[in-house]
C-alpha cells in the first residue's frame, strides 16, 4: 500500500514540475542584468561579513581575492 502512495507522490511532483515549467516566463534581458547585479551585491555583502569574522590569514586572503573578483565583475556590469 505504501508503494502506491509513493508512486502517486512522484507522479504529483512530476506534474507540478511540468506545470511550473509551463507557467514560468523568461525574464527580459534588462531584468537578467539587474538580477545578476543584485546577486553580486548580496554575495559581496556576505563575503565582507565573512572577511570580518575570519581568523586565519589564508582564509582572509582567499576572501579578499573573492571580494576583488566580485567587485570587478560588478563594475563591468554598471
N, C-alpha and C. Protein backbone atom coordinates (compact mmCIF):
# COMPACT_ATOMS: atom_id res chain seq x y z
N UNK A 1 0.81 -1.18 0.00
CA UNK A 1 0.00 0.00 0.00
C UNK A 1 0.87 1.26 0.00
N UNK A 2 1.98 1.25 0.71
CA UNK A 2 2.85 2.42 0.75
C UNK A 2 3.45 2.70 -0.62
N UNK A 3 3.68 1.66 -1.40
CA UNK A 3 4.25 1.88 -2.72
C UNK A 3 3.29 2.68 -3.59
N UNK A 4 2.01 2.44 -3.44
CA UNK A 4 1.03 3.20 -4.22
C UNK A 4 1.09 4.68 -3.89
N UNK A 5 1.24 5.02 -2.61
CA UNK A 5 1.33 6.41 -2.22
C UNK A 5 2.62 7.04 -2.75
N UNK A 6 3.71 6.27 -2.73
CA UNK A 6 4.97 6.80 -3.24
C UNK A 6 4.87 7.11 -4.72
N UNK A 7 4.27 6.22 -5.49
CA UNK A 7 4.16 6.46 -6.93
C UNK A 7 3.24 7.64 -7.21
N UNK A 8 2.20 7.82 -6.42
CA UNK A 8 1.32 8.98 -6.59
C UNK A 8 2.09 10.26 -6.27
N UNK A 9 2.93 10.22 -5.24
CA UNK A 9 3.72 11.39 -4.89
C UNK A 9 4.69 11.75 -6.00
N UNK A 10 5.35 10.76 -6.56
CA UNK A 10 6.27 11.00 -7.68
C UNK A 10 5.50 11.57 -8.87
N UNK A 11 4.35 11.00 -9.15
CA UNK A 11 3.54 11.49 -10.25
C UNK A 11 3.13 12.94 -10.02
N UNK A 12 2.75 13.27 -8.78
CA UNK A 12 2.37 14.63 -8.45
C UNK A 12 3.56 15.58 -8.63
N UNK A 13 4.73 15.18 -8.16
CA UNK A 13 5.92 16.02 -8.27
C UNK A 13 6.26 16.29 -9.73
N UNK A 14 6.14 15.27 -10.57
CA UNK A 14 6.44 15.45 -11.99
C UNK A 14 5.43 16.39 -12.65
N UNK A 15 4.16 16.22 -12.30
CA UNK A 15 3.13 17.09 -12.86
C UNK A 15 3.32 18.53 -12.39
N UNK A 16 3.67 18.71 -11.12
CA UNK A 16 3.89 20.04 -10.58
C UNK A 16 5.09 20.71 -11.25
N UNK A 17 6.16 19.96 -11.46
CA UNK A 17 7.35 20.49 -12.14
C UNK A 17 7.00 20.93 -13.56
N UNK A 18 6.24 20.13 -14.25
CA UNK A 18 5.83 20.46 -15.62
C UNK A 18 4.94 21.70 -15.63
N UNK A 19 4.03 21.80 -14.66
CA UNK A 19 3.15 22.96 -14.57
C UNK A 19 3.96 24.23 -14.33
N UNK A 20 4.94 24.16 -13.42
CA UNK A 20 5.77 25.32 -13.15
C UNK A 20 6.61 25.71 -14.36
N UNK A 21 7.11 24.72 -15.05
CA UNK A 21 7.92 24.98 -16.24
C UNK A 21 7.10 25.70 -17.30
N UNK A 22 5.83 25.33 -17.44
CA UNK A 22 4.97 25.95 -18.44
C UNK A 22 4.51 27.34 -18.04
N UNK A 23 4.44 27.63 -16.75
CA UNK A 23 3.94 28.93 -16.33
C UNK A 23 5.04 29.96 -16.14
N UNK A 24 6.27 29.52 -16.02
CA UNK A 24 7.37 30.48 -15.82
C UNK A 24 7.67 31.19 -17.12
N UNK A 25 7.91 32.48 -16.98
CA UNK A 25 8.28 33.27 -18.15
C UNK A 25 9.75 33.61 -18.06
N UNK A 26 10.38 33.71 -19.21
CA UNK A 26 11.79 34.09 -19.21
C UNK A 26 11.90 35.58 -18.92
N UNK A 27 12.83 35.99 -18.08
CA UNK A 27 12.96 37.40 -17.75
C UNK A 27 13.47 38.20 -18.95
N UNK A 28 13.13 39.45 -18.96
CA UNK A 28 13.61 40.35 -20.01
C UNK A 28 15.12 40.52 -19.84
N UNK A 29 15.85 40.82 -20.92
CA UNK A 29 17.30 40.97 -20.82
C UNK A 29 17.74 41.97 -19.75
N UNK A 30 17.04 43.09 -19.62
CA UNK A 30 17.44 44.06 -18.60
C UNK A 30 17.16 43.51 -17.20
N UNK A 31 16.14 42.69 -17.07
CA UNK A 31 15.86 42.05 -15.79
C UNK A 31 16.96 41.08 -15.42
N UNK A 32 17.51 40.42 -16.39
CA UNK A 32 18.59 39.47 -16.15
C UNK A 32 19.84 40.19 -15.63
N UNK A 33 20.18 41.31 -16.22
CA UNK A 33 21.35 42.06 -15.79
C UNK A 33 21.14 42.61 -14.39
N UNK A 34 19.95 43.11 -14.12
CA UNK A 34 19.67 43.65 -12.79
C UNK A 34 19.68 42.55 -11.75
N UNK A 35 19.16 41.40 -12.11
CA UNK A 35 19.17 40.28 -11.17
C UNK A 35 20.60 39.83 -10.91
N UNK A 36 21.45 39.85 -11.92
CA UNK A 36 22.86 39.49 -11.75
C UNK A 36 23.56 40.49 -10.82
N UNK A 37 23.28 41.78 -11.01
CA UNK A 37 23.87 42.81 -10.14
C UNK A 37 23.43 42.60 -8.70
N UNK A 38 22.15 42.31 -8.50
CA UNK A 38 21.65 42.09 -7.15
C UNK A 38 22.31 40.87 -6.51
N UNK A 39 22.46 39.81 -7.29
CA UNK A 39 23.13 38.60 -6.78
C UNK A 39 24.57 38.91 -6.38
N UNK A 40 25.26 39.68 -7.21
CA UNK A 40 26.64 40.05 -6.90
C UNK A 40 26.72 40.91 -5.65
N UNK A 41 25.79 41.85 -5.49
CA UNK A 41 25.78 42.69 -4.29
C UNK A 41 25.57 41.86 -3.03
N UNK A 42 24.65 40.91 -3.11
CA UNK A 42 24.40 40.04 -1.96
C UNK A 42 25.62 39.18 -1.64
N UNK A 43 26.25 38.65 -2.66
CA UNK A 43 27.46 37.85 -2.45
C UNK A 43 28.56 38.68 -1.84
N UNK A 44 28.69 39.91 -2.32
CA UNK A 44 29.70 40.82 -1.80
C UNK A 44 29.46 41.11 -0.32
N UNK A 45 28.23 41.36 0.05
CA UNK A 45 27.91 41.63 1.45
C UNK A 45 28.22 40.41 2.32
N UNK A 46 27.89 39.23 1.83
CA UNK A 46 28.16 38.01 2.58
C UNK A 46 29.66 37.80 2.75
N UNK A 47 30.41 37.98 1.68
CA UNK A 47 31.86 37.80 1.76
C UNK A 47 32.52 38.81 2.68
N UNK A 48 32.04 40.05 2.65
CA UNK A 48 32.61 41.07 3.54
C UNK A 48 32.34 40.71 5.00
N UNK A 49 31.16 40.17 5.28
CA UNK A 49 30.84 39.72 6.63
C UNK A 49 31.73 38.57 7.05
N UNK A 50 31.94 37.63 6.13
CA UNK A 50 32.83 36.51 6.43
C UNK A 50 34.26 37.00 6.64
N UNK A 51 34.65 38.01 5.88
CA UNK A 51 36.01 38.56 5.99
C UNK A 51 36.24 39.14 7.38
N UNK A 52 35.23 39.82 7.89
CA UNK A 52 35.34 40.41 9.22
C UNK A 52 35.48 39.33 10.31
N UNK A 53 34.84 38.19 10.09
CA UNK A 53 34.85 37.13 11.09
C UNK A 53 36.02 36.15 10.92
N UNK A 54 36.72 36.23 9.78
CA UNK A 54 37.79 35.27 9.50
C UNK A 54 38.96 35.46 10.46
N UNK A 55 39.48 34.34 10.91
CA UNK A 55 40.62 34.39 11.84
C UNK A 55 41.93 34.00 11.16
N UNK A 56 41.89 33.05 10.26
CA UNK A 56 43.11 32.58 9.61
C UNK A 56 43.50 33.53 8.47
N UNK A 57 44.77 33.80 8.38
CA UNK A 57 45.27 34.71 7.35
C UNK A 57 44.99 34.18 5.95
N UNK A 58 45.14 32.88 5.77
CA UNK A 58 44.89 32.30 4.45
C UNK A 58 43.42 32.44 4.06
N UNK A 59 42.54 32.29 5.02
CA UNK A 59 41.11 32.44 4.74
C UNK A 59 40.78 33.89 4.39
N UNK A 60 41.37 34.84 5.11
CA UNK A 60 41.15 36.26 4.80
C UNK A 60 41.67 36.59 3.41
N UNK A 61 42.83 36.04 3.05
CA UNK A 61 43.39 36.28 1.73
C UNK A 61 42.47 35.75 0.64
N UNK A 62 41.94 34.54 0.85
CA UNK A 62 41.03 33.95 -0.11
C UNK A 62 39.77 34.80 -0.26
N UNK A 63 39.26 35.29 0.87
CA UNK A 63 38.06 36.13 0.83
C UNK A 63 38.35 37.47 0.15
N UNK A 64 39.53 38.04 0.40
CA UNK A 64 39.91 39.29 -0.26
C UNK A 64 39.95 39.12 -1.78
N UNK A 65 40.47 38.01 -2.23
CA UNK A 65 40.52 37.73 -3.67
C UNK A 65 39.11 37.57 -4.25
N UNK A 66 38.26 36.88 -3.52
CA UNK A 66 36.88 36.69 -3.97
C UNK A 66 36.15 38.02 -4.02
N UNK A 67 36.36 38.86 -3.02
CA UNK A 67 35.74 40.18 -2.99
C UNK A 67 36.21 41.02 -4.18
N UNK A 68 37.51 40.99 -4.45
CA UNK A 68 38.05 41.76 -5.58
C UNK A 68 37.45 41.28 -6.90
N UNK A 69 37.30 39.98 -7.05
CA UNK A 69 36.73 39.42 -8.28
C UNK A 69 35.28 39.87 -8.45
N UNK A 70 34.51 39.81 -7.39
CA UNK A 70 33.11 40.20 -7.48
C UNK A 70 32.99 41.70 -7.72
N UNK A 71 33.83 42.50 -7.06
CA UNK A 71 33.79 43.95 -7.29
C UNK A 71 34.11 44.28 -8.75
N UNK A 72 35.07 43.57 -9.33
CA UNK A 72 35.43 43.81 -10.73
C UNK A 72 34.27 43.42 -11.65
N UNK A 73 33.63 42.31 -11.37
CA UNK A 73 32.51 41.89 -12.19
C UNK A 73 31.35 42.85 -12.06
N UNK A 74 31.12 43.33 -10.86
CA UNK A 74 30.04 44.29 -10.62
C UNK A 74 30.34 45.61 -11.35
N UNK A 75 31.58 46.03 -11.33
CA UNK A 75 31.96 47.26 -12.03
C UNK A 75 31.78 47.12 -13.53
N UNK A 76 32.03 45.92 -14.05
CA UNK A 76 31.88 45.73 -15.50
C UNK A 76 30.42 45.71 -15.92
N UNK A 77 29.52 45.42 -15.00
CA UNK A 77 28.09 45.41 -15.33
C UNK A 77 27.46 46.79 -15.29
N UNK A 78 28.06 47.71 -14.57
CA UNK A 78 27.45 49.04 -14.43
C UNK A 78 28.01 50.04 -15.39
